[in-house]
């Protein structure tokens, strides 16, 4: 079992281009189904996760390839931004 606090410390890496996307800042959870729908990684223009930038990477759970001890590997072709 993985805790949410453990997920928030993991680096997210896109295996398509090797790009480091950052660390998870939030989760999209379906409370009725009891499942995580997506992970959210702040866009690169944010400062300390607070200021600037209004777009985040919303990565659907289906795009997660592997959750390791210090990284999460995802497959994203053409990095999708989604306004939150």
N, C-alpha and C. Protein backbone atom coordinates (compact mmCIF):
# COMPACT_ATOMS: atom_id res chain seq x y z
N UNK A 1 0.85 -1.17 0.00
CA UNK A 1 0.00 0.00 0.00
C UNK A 1 0.89 1.24 0.00
N UNK A 2 0.47 2.27 -0.75
CA UNK A 2 1.20 3.53 -0.84
C UNK A 2 0.39 4.62 -0.18
N UNK A 3 1.03 5.43 0.65
CA UNK A 3 0.37 6.56 1.27
C UNK A 3 0.46 7.77 0.36
N UNK A 4 -0.52 8.67 0.47
CA UNK A 4 -0.50 9.90 -0.31
C UNK A 4 0.75 10.70 0.01
N UNK A 5 1.14 10.75 1.27
CA UNK A 5 2.34 11.50 1.66
C UNK A 5 3.59 10.92 0.99
N UNK A 6 3.63 9.62 0.74
CA UNK A 6 4.76 9.02 0.04
C UNK A 6 4.77 9.43 -1.43
N UNK A 7 3.61 9.51 -2.05
CA UNK A 7 3.52 9.90 -3.46
C UNK A 7 3.98 11.34 -3.67
N UNK A 8 3.68 12.23 -2.73
CA UNK A 8 4.01 13.64 -2.90
C UNK A 8 5.50 13.92 -2.90
N UNK A 9 6.33 12.97 -2.51
CA UNK A 9 7.77 13.16 -2.49
C UNK A 9 8.48 12.56 -3.71
N UNK A 10 7.73 11.96 -4.61
CA UNK A 10 8.34 11.27 -5.74
C UNK A 10 8.45 12.18 -6.97
N UNK A 11 9.57 12.08 -7.68
CA UNK A 11 9.79 12.79 -8.93
C UNK A 11 8.97 12.11 -10.03
N UNK A 12 8.39 12.91 -10.91
CA UNK A 12 7.63 12.38 -12.04
C UNK A 12 8.46 12.59 -13.30
N UNK A 13 8.73 11.50 -14.02
CA UNK A 13 9.56 11.52 -15.22
C UNK A 13 8.74 10.99 -16.40
N UNK A 14 8.80 11.72 -17.52
CA UNK A 14 8.13 11.29 -18.75
C UNK A 14 9.08 10.38 -19.53
N UNK A 15 8.70 9.13 -19.76
CA UNK A 15 9.58 8.18 -20.45
C UNK A 15 9.66 8.46 -21.95
N UNK A 16 8.75 9.24 -22.49
CA UNK A 16 8.77 9.54 -23.92
C UNK A 16 9.99 10.38 -24.28
N UNK A 17 10.27 11.41 -23.47
CA UNK A 17 11.40 12.30 -23.77
C UNK A 17 12.40 12.43 -22.63
N UNK A 18 12.19 11.70 -21.53
CA UNK A 18 13.11 11.76 -20.39
C UNK A 18 13.00 13.01 -19.55
N UNK A 19 11.99 13.80 -19.80
CA UNK A 19 11.83 15.08 -19.11
C UNK A 19 11.36 14.90 -17.68
N UNK A 20 11.99 15.66 -16.78
CA UNK A 20 11.57 15.70 -15.37
C UNK A 20 10.44 16.69 -15.27
N UNK A 21 9.28 16.23 -14.83
CA UNK A 21 8.11 17.09 -14.75
C UNK A 21 7.97 17.76 -13.39
N UNK A 22 8.55 17.18 -12.36
CA UNK A 22 8.46 17.74 -11.02
C UNK A 22 7.93 16.72 -10.03
N UNK A 23 7.42 17.20 -8.92
CA UNK A 23 6.86 16.32 -7.89
C UNK A 23 5.35 16.54 -7.81
N UNK A 24 4.64 15.54 -7.35
CA UNK A 24 3.18 15.60 -7.26
C UNK A 24 2.77 16.66 -6.25
N UNK A 25 1.82 17.50 -6.64
CA UNK A 25 1.30 18.50 -5.70
C UNK A 25 -0.13 18.19 -5.29
N UNK A 26 -0.81 17.33 -6.05
CA UNK A 26 -2.20 17.04 -5.73
C UNK A 26 -2.62 15.75 -6.42
N UNK A 27 -3.74 15.22 -5.98
CA UNK A 27 -4.33 14.02 -6.59
C UNK A 27 -5.78 14.31 -6.95
N UNK A 28 -6.24 13.74 -8.05
CA UNK A 28 -7.65 13.79 -8.42
C UNK A 28 -8.23 12.44 -8.03
N UNK A 29 -9.09 12.45 -7.02
CA UNK A 29 -9.62 11.20 -6.47
C UNK A 29 -11.11 11.09 -6.73
N UNK A 30 -11.55 9.93 -7.19
CA UNK A 30 -12.97 9.62 -7.34
C UNK A 30 -13.42 9.02 -6.01
N UNK A 31 -14.10 9.81 -5.21
CA UNK A 31 -14.50 9.36 -3.87
C UNK A 31 -15.52 8.23 -3.90
N UNK A 32 -16.40 8.24 -4.89
CA UNK A 32 -17.41 7.18 -4.97
C UNK A 32 -16.79 5.83 -5.29
N UNK A 33 -15.82 5.84 -6.20
CA UNK A 33 -15.17 4.58 -6.59
C UNK A 33 -13.99 4.25 -5.68
N UNK A 34 -13.52 5.24 -4.93
CA UNK A 34 -12.37 5.02 -4.06
C UNK A 34 -11.09 4.80 -4.85
N UNK A 35 -10.92 5.56 -5.94
CA UNK A 35 -9.75 5.37 -6.80
C UNK A 35 -9.14 6.72 -7.17
N UNK A 36 -7.84 6.71 -7.43
CA UNK A 36 -7.14 7.90 -7.91
C UNK A 36 -7.36 7.98 -9.41
N UNK A 37 -7.87 9.11 -9.89
CA UNK A 37 -8.09 9.29 -11.33
C UNK A 37 -6.87 9.90 -12.02
N UNK A 38 -6.15 10.79 -11.31
CA UNK A 38 -5.01 11.45 -11.93
C UNK A 38 -4.08 12.01 -10.85
N UNK A 39 -2.83 12.24 -11.25
CA UNK A 39 -1.90 12.96 -10.38
C UNK A 39 -1.70 14.34 -10.99
N UNK A 40 -1.40 15.31 -10.16
CA UNK A 40 -1.22 16.69 -10.61
C UNK A 40 0.19 17.14 -10.25
N UNK A 41 0.90 17.65 -11.26
CA UNK A 41 2.25 18.16 -11.08
C UNK A 41 2.23 19.64 -11.48
N UNK A 42 2.77 20.54 -10.63
CA UNK A 42 2.73 21.96 -10.96
C UNK A 42 3.52 22.27 -12.21
N UNK A 43 3.04 23.24 -13.00
CA UNK A 43 3.75 23.69 -14.18
C UNK A 43 5.08 24.30 -13.80
N UNK A 44 5.97 24.44 -14.77
CA UNK A 44 7.33 24.90 -14.50
C UNK A 44 7.42 26.36 -14.09
N UNK A 45 6.39 27.16 -14.33
CA UNK A 45 6.49 28.59 -14.02
C UNK A 45 6.13 28.92 -12.58
N UNK A 46 5.77 27.94 -11.79
CA UNK A 46 5.42 28.21 -10.40
C UNK A 46 6.67 28.37 -9.54
N UNK A 47 6.57 29.22 -8.53
CA UNK A 47 7.65 29.44 -7.59
C UNK A 47 7.22 28.87 -6.24
N UNK A 48 7.94 27.88 -5.75
CA UNK A 48 7.62 27.22 -4.49
C UNK A 48 6.19 26.70 -4.47
N UNK A 49 5.61 26.43 -5.66
CA UNK A 49 4.26 25.90 -5.73
C UNK A 49 3.17 26.91 -5.38
N UNK A 50 3.53 28.19 -5.24
CA UNK A 50 2.55 29.18 -4.80
C UNK A 50 2.26 30.26 -5.83
N UNK A 51 3.31 30.86 -6.40
CA UNK A 51 3.13 32.05 -7.22
C UNK A 51 3.39 31.77 -8.69
N UNK A 52 2.66 32.49 -9.54
CA UNK A 52 2.87 32.39 -10.97
C UNK A 52 2.32 31.10 -11.53
N UNK A 53 2.24 31.06 -12.83
CA UNK A 53 1.78 29.85 -13.51
C UNK A 53 0.39 29.43 -13.12
N UNK A 54 -0.43 29.23 -14.09
CA UNK A 54 -1.79 28.82 -13.79
C UNK A 54 -2.13 27.50 -14.44
N UNK A 55 -1.13 26.81 -14.93
CA UNK A 55 -1.37 25.54 -15.59
C UNK A 55 -0.55 24.44 -14.94
N UNK A 56 -1.19 23.32 -14.75
CA UNK A 56 -0.53 22.17 -14.14
C UNK A 56 -0.61 21.00 -15.10
N UNK A 57 0.29 20.04 -14.92
CA UNK A 57 0.20 18.78 -15.64
C UNK A 57 -0.80 17.91 -14.89
N UNK A 58 -1.87 17.52 -15.55
CA UNK A 58 -2.82 16.57 -14.97
C UNK A 58 -2.61 15.27 -15.72
N UNK A 59 -2.06 14.30 -15.01
CA UNK A 59 -1.64 13.05 -15.65
C UNK A 59 -2.60 11.94 -15.24
N UNK A 60 -3.39 11.43 -16.19
CA UNK A 60 -4.34 10.36 -15.86
C UNK A 60 -3.61 9.13 -15.30
N UNK A 61 -4.27 8.46 -14.38
CA UNK A 61 -3.68 7.29 -13.72
C UNK A 61 -3.27 6.24 -14.75
N UNK A 62 -4.00 6.15 -15.86
CA UNK A 62 -3.70 5.16 -16.90
C UNK A 62 -2.35 5.42 -17.55
N UNK A 63 -1.83 6.66 -17.47
CA UNK A 63 -0.56 7.00 -18.09
C UNK A 63 0.64 6.71 -17.19
N UNK A 64 0.38 6.25 -15.97
CA UNK A 64 1.48 5.90 -15.08
C UNK A 64 1.97 4.51 -15.44
N UNK A 65 3.27 4.41 -15.72
CA UNK A 65 3.86 3.14 -16.11
C UNK A 65 4.37 2.39 -14.90
N UNK A 66 5.08 3.10 -14.01
CA UNK A 66 5.71 2.44 -12.87
C UNK A 66 5.88 3.44 -11.73
N UNK A 67 5.58 2.99 -10.52
CA UNK A 67 5.84 3.78 -9.32
C UNK A 67 7.00 3.10 -8.60
N UNK A 68 8.14 3.79 -8.55
CA UNK A 68 9.32 3.25 -7.91
C UNK A 68 9.53 3.83 -6.53
N UNK A 69 10.70 3.61 -5.97
CA UNK A 69 10.99 4.10 -4.62
C UNK A 69 11.26 5.59 -4.58
N UNK A 70 11.75 6.17 -5.69
CA UNK A 70 12.01 7.61 -5.70
C UNK A 70 11.51 8.32 -6.95
N UNK A 71 10.92 7.59 -7.90
CA UNK A 71 10.38 8.22 -9.10
C UNK A 71 9.08 7.55 -9.54
N UNK A 72 8.32 8.31 -10.31
CA UNK A 72 7.12 7.78 -10.98
C UNK A 72 7.35 7.97 -12.47
N UNK A 73 7.28 6.89 -13.22
CA UNK A 73 7.46 6.97 -14.66
C UNK A 73 6.09 7.06 -15.32
N UNK A 74 5.94 8.06 -16.19
CA UNK A 74 4.68 8.26 -16.90
C UNK A 74 4.95 8.31 -18.40
N UNK A 75 3.92 8.06 -19.18
CA UNK A 75 4.04 8.14 -20.63
C UNK A 75 3.10 9.23 -21.13
N UNK A 76 3.70 10.34 -21.56
CA UNK A 76 2.92 11.47 -22.08
C UNK A 76 3.49 11.87 -23.43
N UNK A 77 2.67 11.79 -24.44
CA UNK A 77 3.08 12.22 -25.77
C UNK A 77 2.51 13.61 -25.99
N UNK A 78 3.36 14.60 -26.19
CA UNK A 78 2.89 15.99 -26.30
C UNK A 78 2.29 16.42 -24.99
N UNK A 79 3.08 16.96 -24.11
CA UNK A 79 2.67 17.24 -22.73
C UNK A 79 1.38 18.01 -22.64
N UNK A 80 0.33 17.37 -22.14
CA UNK A 80 -0.98 18.05 -22.03
C UNK A 80 -1.04 18.93 -20.78
N UNK A 81 -1.47 20.15 -20.99
CA UNK A 81 -1.74 21.03 -19.86
C UNK A 81 -3.23 21.06 -19.64
N UNK A 82 -3.60 21.23 -18.41
CA UNK A 82 -5.01 21.36 -18.10
C UNK A 82 -5.14 22.39 -17.00
N UNK A 83 -5.99 23.37 -17.20
CA UNK A 83 -6.18 24.41 -16.20
C UNK A 83 -6.98 23.84 -15.05
N UNK A 84 -6.50 24.11 -13.84
CA UNK A 84 -7.21 23.66 -12.64
C UNK A 84 -7.85 24.82 -11.95
